[in-house]
Amino acid sequence: GCMIYLAGKYTTITVFGRIVMKGTQ
């Protein structure tokens, strides 16, 4: 259910560790 909005031009999420995005049906 998380809602993530990105602002700014060419915004990047850079992951050197780990990212987990897990929703449900």
PDB file of all heavy atoms in Angstrom:
ATOM      1  N   GLY A   1       0.784  -1.232   0.000  1.00  0.00           N
ATOM      2  CA  GLY A   1       0.000   0.000   0.000  1.00  0.00           C
ATOM      3  C   GLY A   1       0.810   1.273   0.000  1.00  0.00           C
ATOM      4  O   GLY A   1       0.236   2.376  -0.038  1.00  0.00           O
ATOM      5  N   CYS A   2       2.137   1.177   0.021  1.00  0.00           N
ATOM      6  CA  CYS A   2       2.961   2.394   0.019  1.00  0.00           C
ATOM      7  C   CYS A   2       2.844   3.116  -1.321  1.00  0.00           C
ATOM      8  O   CYS A   2       2.911   2.497  -2.384  1.00  0.00           O
ATOM      9  CB  CYS A   2       4.418   2.058   0.297  1.00  0.00           C
ATOM     10  SG  CYS A   2       4.786   1.749   2.041  1.00  0.00           S
ATOM     11  N   MET A   3       2.668   4.414  -1.253  1.00  0.00           N
ATOM     12  CA  MET A   3       2.578   5.271  -2.435  1.00  0.00           C
ATOM     13  C   MET A   3       3.797   6.182  -2.440  1.00  0.00           C
ATOM     14  O   MET A   3       3.987   6.983  -1.516  1.00  0.00           O
ATOM     15  CB  MET A   3       1.296   6.094  -2.366  1.00  0.00           C
ATOM     16  CG  MET A   3       0.972   6.838  -3.623  1.00  0.00           C
ATOM     17  SD  MET A   3       0.294   5.755  -4.889  1.00  0.00           S
ATOM     18  CE  MET A   3       0.617   6.721  -6.359  1.00  0.00           C
ATOM     19  N   ILE A   4       4.629   6.062  -3.478  1.00  0.00           N
ATOM     20  CA  ILE A   4       5.893   6.797  -3.528  1.00  0.00           C
ATOM     21  C   ILE A   4       5.873   7.716  -4.739  1.00  0.00           C
ATOM     22  O   ILE A   4       5.808   7.253  -5.887  1.00  0.00           O
ATOM     23  CB  ILE A   4       7.081   5.823  -3.610  1.00  0.00           C
ATOM     24  CG1 ILE A   4       7.047   4.850  -2.436  1.00  0.00           C
ATOM     25  CG2 ILE A   4       8.405   6.579  -3.641  1.00  0.00           C
ATOM     26  CD1 ILE A   4       7.752   3.547  -2.694  1.00  0.00           C
ATOM     27  N   TYR A   5       5.904   9.028  -4.478  1.00  0.00           N
ATOM     28  CA  TYR A   5       5.923  10.023  -5.552  1.00  0.00           C
ATOM     29  C   TYR A   5       7.340  10.563  -5.703  1.00  0.00           C
ATOM     30  O   TYR A   5       8.026  10.830  -4.710  1.00  0.00           O
ATOM     31  CB  TYR A   5       4.980  11.177  -5.232  1.00  0.00           C
ATOM     32  CG  TYR A   5       3.530  10.792  -5.186  1.00  0.00           C
ATOM     33  CD1 TYR A   5       2.871  10.614  -3.976  1.00  0.00           C
ATOM     34  CD2 TYR A   5       2.796  10.606  -6.358  1.00  0.00           C
ATOM     35  CE1 TYR A   5       1.530  10.262  -3.921  1.00  0.00           C
ATOM     36  CE2 TYR A   5       1.457  10.261  -6.316  1.00  0.00           C
ATOM     37  CZ  TYR A   5       0.834  10.090  -5.099  1.00  0.00           C
ATOM     38  OH  TYR A   5      -0.501   9.745  -5.059  1.00  0.00           O
ATOM     39  N   LEU A   6       7.773  10.743  -6.947  1.00  0.00           N
ATOM     40  CA  LEU A   6       9.098  11.297  -7.199  1.00  0.00           C
ATOM     41  C   LEU A   6       8.987  12.662  -7.856  1.00  0.00           C
ATOM     42  O   LEU A   6       8.251  12.846  -8.827  1.00  0.00           O
ATOM     43  CB  LEU A   6       9.914  10.351  -8.085  1.00  0.00           C
ATOM     44  CG  LEU A   6      10.386   9.104  -7.340  1.00  0.00           C
ATOM     45  CD1 LEU A   6       9.436   7.941  -7.571  1.00  0.00           C
ATOM     46  CD2 LEU A   6      11.792   8.723  -7.727  1.00  0.00           C
ATOM     47  N   ALA A   7       9.713  13.619  -7.287  1.00  0.00           N
ATOM     48  CA  ALA A   7       9.748  14.983  -7.799  1.00  0.00           C
ATOM     49  C   ALA A   7      11.171  15.307  -8.253  1.00  0.00           C
ATOM     50  O   ALA A   7      12.109  14.573  -7.963  1.00  0.00           O
ATOM     51  CB  ALA A   7       9.290  15.958  -6.718  1.00  0.00           C
ATOM     52  N   GLY A   8      11.324  16.412  -8.941  1.00  0.00           N
ATOM     53  CA  GLY A   8      12.646  16.784  -9.436  1.00  0.00           C
ATOM     54  C   GLY A   8      12.939  16.097 -10.758  1.00  0.00           C
ATOM     55  O   GLY A   8      12.439  15.015 -11.045  1.00  0.00           O
ATOM     56  N   LYS A   9      13.765  16.737 -11.573  1.00  0.00           N
ATOM     57  CA  LYS A   9      14.073  16.196 -12.896  1.00  0.00           C
ATOM     58  C   LYS A   9      15.064  15.043 -12.795  1.00  0.00           C
ATOM     59  O   LYS A   9      16.099  15.158 -12.143  1.00  0.00           O
ATOM     60  CB  LYS A   9      14.652  17.287 -13.792  1.00  0.00           C
ATOM     61  CG  LYS A   9      13.640  18.374 -14.154  1.00  0.00           C
ATOM     62  CD  LYS A   9      14.239  19.384 -15.103  1.00  0.00           C
ATOM     63  CE  LYS A   9      13.215  20.437 -15.502  1.00  0.00           C
ATOM     64  NZ  LYS A   9      13.793  21.442 -16.416  1.00  0.00           N
ATOM     65  N   TYR A  10      14.717  13.935 -13.436  1.00  0.00           N
ATOM     66  CA  TYR A  10      15.598  12.778 -13.539  1.00  0.00           C
ATOM     67  C   TYR A  10      16.032  12.221 -12.184  1.00  0.00           C
ATOM     68  O   TYR A  10      17.165  11.776 -12.009  1.00  0.00           O
ATOM     69  CB  TYR A  10      16.832  13.115 -14.406  1.00  0.00           C
ATOM     70  CG  TYR A  10      16.471  13.743 -15.722  1.00  0.00           C
ATOM     71  CD1 TYR A  10      16.897  15.022 -16.052  1.00  0.00           C
ATOM     72  CD2 TYR A  10      15.640  13.063 -16.614  1.00  0.00           C
ATOM     73  CE1 TYR A  10      16.530  15.605 -17.262  1.00  0.00           C
ATOM     74  CE2 TYR A  10      15.281  13.640 -17.829  1.00  0.00           C
ATOM     75  CZ  TYR A  10      15.724  14.919 -18.137  1.00  0.00           C
ATOM     76  OH  TYR A  10      15.363  15.489 -19.324  1.00  0.00           O
ATOM     77  N   THR A  11      15.138  12.269 -11.233  1.00  0.00           N
ATOM     78  CA  THR A  11      15.428  11.726  -9.904  1.00  0.00           C
ATOM     79  C   THR A  11      15.717  10.235  -9.993  1.00  0.00           C
ATOM     80  O   THR A  11      15.033   9.484 -10.692  1.00  0.00           O
ATOM     81  CB  THR A  11      14.241  11.978  -8.959  1.00  0.00           C
ATOM     82  OG1 THR A  11      14.090  13.392  -8.788  1.00  0.00           O
ATOM     83  CG2 THR A  11      14.467  11.339  -7.598  1.00  0.00           C
ATOM     84  N   THR A  12      16.747   9.798  -9.259  1.00  0.00           N
ATOM     85  CA  THR A  12      17.185   8.407  -9.278  1.00  0.00           C
ATOM     86  C   THR A  12      17.285   7.867  -7.857  1.00  0.00           C
ATOM     87  O   THR A  12      17.756   8.563  -6.958  1.00  0.00           O
ATOM     88  CB  THR A  12      18.558   8.280  -9.964  1.00  0.00           C
ATOM     89  OG1 THR A  12      18.447   8.709 -11.325  1.00  0.00           O
ATOM     90  CG2 THR A  12      19.068   6.853  -9.941  1.00  0.00           C
ATOM     91  N   ILE A  13      16.838   6.631  -7.668  1.00  0.00           N
ATOM     92  CA  ILE A  13      17.081   5.900  -6.423  1.00  0.00           C
ATOM     93  C   ILE A  13      18.220   4.933  -6.721  1.00  0.00           C
ATOM     94  O   ILE A  13      18.048   3.969  -7.471  1.00  0.00           O
ATOM     95  CB  ILE A  13      15.832   5.131  -5.967  1.00  0.00           C
ATOM     96  CG1 ILE A  13      14.654   6.088  -5.755  1.00  0.00           C
ATOM     97  CG2 ILE A  13      16.129   4.350  -4.678  1.00  0.00           C
ATOM     98  CD1 ILE A  13      13.329   5.377  -5.475  1.00  0.00           C
ATOM     99  N   THR A  14      19.405   5.192  -6.177  1.00  0.00           N
ATOM    100  CA  THR A  14      20.582   4.358  -6.421  1.00  0.00           C
ATOM    101  C   THR A  14      20.801   3.434  -5.240  1.00  0.00           C
ATOM    102  O   THR A  14      20.882   3.886  -4.096  1.00  0.00           O
ATOM    103  CB  THR A  14      21.823   5.233  -6.657  1.00  0.00           C
ATOM    104  OG1 THR A  14      21.584   6.110  -7.761  1.00  0.00           O
ATOM    105  CG2 THR A  14      23.042   4.370  -6.966  1.00  0.00           C
ATOM    106  N   VAL A  15      20.900   2.145  -5.534  1.00  0.00           N
ATOM    107  CA  VAL A  15      20.950   1.131  -4.480  1.00  0.00           C
ATOM    108  C   VAL A  15      22.306   0.430  -4.496  1.00  0.00           C
ATOM    109  O   VAL A  15      22.597  -0.373  -5.389  1.00  0.00           O
ATOM    110  CB  VAL A  15      19.819   0.101  -4.662  1.00  0.00           C
ATOM    111  CG1 VAL A  15      19.825  -0.895  -3.507  1.00  0.00           C
ATOM    112  CG2 VAL A  15      18.465   0.794  -4.774  1.00  0.00           C
ATOM    113  N   PHE A  16      23.126   0.726  -3.476  1.00  0.00           N
ATOM    114  CA  PHE A  16      24.379  -0.001  -3.271  1.00  0.00           C
ATOM    115  C   PHE A  16      24.199  -1.088  -2.211  1.00  0.00           C
ATOM    116  O   PHE A  16      25.057  -1.953  -2.069  1.00  0.00           O
ATOM    117  CB  PHE A  16      25.489   0.963  -2.857  1.00  0.00           C
ATOM    118  CG  PHE A  16      25.847   1.955  -3.926  1.00  0.00           C
ATOM    119  CD1 PHE A  16      25.544   3.300  -3.771  1.00  0.00           C
ATOM    120  CD2 PHE A  16      26.484   1.547  -5.091  1.00  0.00           C
ATOM    121  CE1 PHE A  16      25.875   4.219  -4.754  1.00  0.00           C
ATOM    122  CE2 PHE A  16      26.811   2.455  -6.082  1.00  0.00           C
ATOM    123  CZ  PHE A  16      26.510   3.795  -5.921  1.00  0.00           C
ATOM    124  N   GLY A  17      23.092  -1.008  -1.488  1.00  0.00           N
ATOM    125  CA  GLY A  17      22.748  -2.021  -0.498  1.00  0.00           C
ATOM    126  C   GLY A  17      21.665  -2.929  -1.058  1.00  0.00           C
ATOM    127  O   GLY A  17      21.901  -3.700  -1.981  1.00  0.00           O
ATOM    128  N   ARG A  18      20.448  -2.765  -0.514  1.00  0.00           N
ATOM    129  CA  ARG A  18      19.339  -3.613  -0.961  1.00  0.00           C
ATOM    130  C   ARG A  18      18.041  -2.824  -0.857  1.00  0.00           C
ATOM    131  O   ARG A  18      17.836  -2.071   0.102  1.00  0.00           O
ATOM    132  CB  ARG A  18      19.276  -4.856  -0.064  1.00  0.00           C
ATOM    133  CG  ARG A  18      18.272  -5.915  -0.486  1.00  0.00           C
ATOM    134  CD  ARG A  18      18.528  -7.213   0.286  1.00  0.00           C
ATOM    135  NE  ARG A  18      17.630  -8.281  -0.156  1.00  0.00           N
ATOM    136  CZ  ARG A  18      16.566  -8.688   0.528  1.00  0.00           C
ATOM    137  NH1 ARG A  18      16.276  -8.157   1.711  1.00  0.00           N
ATOM    138  NH2 ARG A  18      15.794  -9.658   0.050  1.00  0.00           N
ATOM    139  N   ILE A  19      17.172  -2.980  -1.840  1.00  0.00           N
ATOM    140  CA  ILE A  19      15.846  -2.372  -1.767  1.00  0.00           C
ATOM    141  C   ILE A  19      14.805  -3.478  -1.895  1.00  0.00           C
ATOM    142  O   ILE A  19      14.944  -4.391  -2.713  1.00  0.00           O
ATOM    143  CB  ILE A  19      15.652  -1.287  -2.849  1.00  0.00           C
ATOM    144  CG1 ILE A  19      14.339  -0.523  -2.632  1.00  0.00           C
ATOM    145  CG2 ILE A  19      15.726  -1.859  -4.261  1.00  0.00           C
ATOM    146  CD1 ILE A  19      14.221   0.741  -3.448  1.00  0.00           C
ATOM    147  N   VAL A  20      13.794  -3.398  -1.038  1.00  0.00           N
ATOM    148  CA  VAL A  20      12.704  -4.376  -1.047  1.00  0.00           C
ATOM    149  C   VAL A  20      11.391  -3.610  -1.127  1.00  0.00           C
ATOM    150  O   VAL A  20      11.068  -2.814  -0.242  1.00  0.00           O
ATOM    151  CB  VAL A  20      12.718  -5.261   0.221  1.00  0.00           C
ATOM    152  CG1 VAL A  20      11.520  -6.211   0.225  1.00  0.00           C
ATOM    153  CG2 VAL A  20      14.018  -6.051   0.306  1.00  0.00           C
ATOM    154  N   MET A  21      10.650  -3.818  -2.207  1.00  0.00           N
ATOM    155  CA  MET A  21       9.330  -3.216  -2.369  1.00  0.00           C
ATOM    156  C   MET A  21       8.344  -4.355  -2.575  1.00  0.00           C
ATOM    157  O   MET A  21       8.297  -4.953  -3.651  1.00  0.00           O
ATOM    158  CB  MET A  21       9.317  -2.258  -3.558  1.00  0.00           C
ATOM    159  CG  MET A  21      10.178  -1.026  -3.381  1.00  0.00           C
ATOM    160  SD  MET A  21      10.038   0.114  -4.792  1.00  0.00           S
ATOM    161  CE  MET A  21      10.853   1.567  -4.142  1.00  0.00           C
ATOM    162  N   LYS A  22       7.595  -4.667  -1.535  1.00  0.00           N
ATOM    163  CA  LYS A  22       6.693  -5.815  -1.592  1.00  0.00           C
ATOM    164  C   LYS A  22       5.280  -5.397  -1.231  1.00  0.00           C
ATOM    165  O   LYS A  22       4.986  -5.055  -0.087  1.00  0.00           O
ATOM    166  CB  LYS A  22       7.166  -6.914  -0.632  1.00  0.00           C
ATOM    167  CG  LYS A  22       8.303  -7.743  -1.178  1.00  0.00           C
ATOM    168  CD  LYS A  22       8.525  -8.998  -0.327  1.00  0.00           C
ATOM    169  CE  LYS A  22       9.536  -9.921  -0.965  1.00  0.00           C
ATOM    170  NZ  LYS A  22       9.696 -11.186  -0.207  1.00  0.00           N
ATOM    171  N   GLY A  23       4.405  -5.423  -2.239  1.00  0.00           N
ATOM    172  CA  GLY A  23       2.993  -5.194  -2.002  1.00  0.00           C
ATOM    173  C   GLY A  23       2.244  -6.503  -1.950  1.00  0.00           C
ATOM    174  O   GLY A  23       2.828  -7.577  -1.793  1.00  0.00           O
ATOM    175  N   THR A  24       0.941  -6.409  -2.091  1.00  0.00           N
ATOM    176  CA  THR A  24       0.086  -7.591  -2.170  1.00  0.00           C
ATOM    177  C   THR A  24      -0.831  -7.427  -3.375  1.00  0.00           C
ATOM    178  O   THR A  24      -0.846  -6.375  -4.026  1.00  0.00           O
ATOM    179  CB  THR A  24      -0.765  -7.757  -0.894  1.00  0.00           C
ATOM    180  OG1 THR A  24      -1.667  -6.640  -0.785  1.00  0.00           O
ATOM    181  CG2 THR A  24       0.110  -7.821   0.345  1.00  0.00           C
ATOM    182  N   GLN A  25      -1.630  -8.442  -3.655  1.00  0.00           N
ATOM    183  CA  GLN A  25      -2.552  -8.365  -4.794  1.00  0.00           C
ATOM    184  C   GLN A  25      -3.542  -7.221  -4.628  1.00  0.00           C
ATOM    185  O   GLN A  25      -3.919  -6.564  -5.595  1.00  0.00           O
ATOM    186  CB  GLN A  25      -3.298  -9.688  -4.941  1.00  0.00           C
ATOM    187  CG  GLN A  25      -4.167  -9.758  -6.195  1.00  0.00           C
ATOM    188  CD  GLN A  25      -4.763 -11.134  -6.416  1.00  0.00           C
ATOM    189  OE1 GLN A  25      -4.533 -12.045  -5.631  1.00  0.00           O
ATOM    190  NE2 GLN A  25      -5.539 -11.290  -7.472  1.00  0.00           N
TER     191      GLN A  25
END
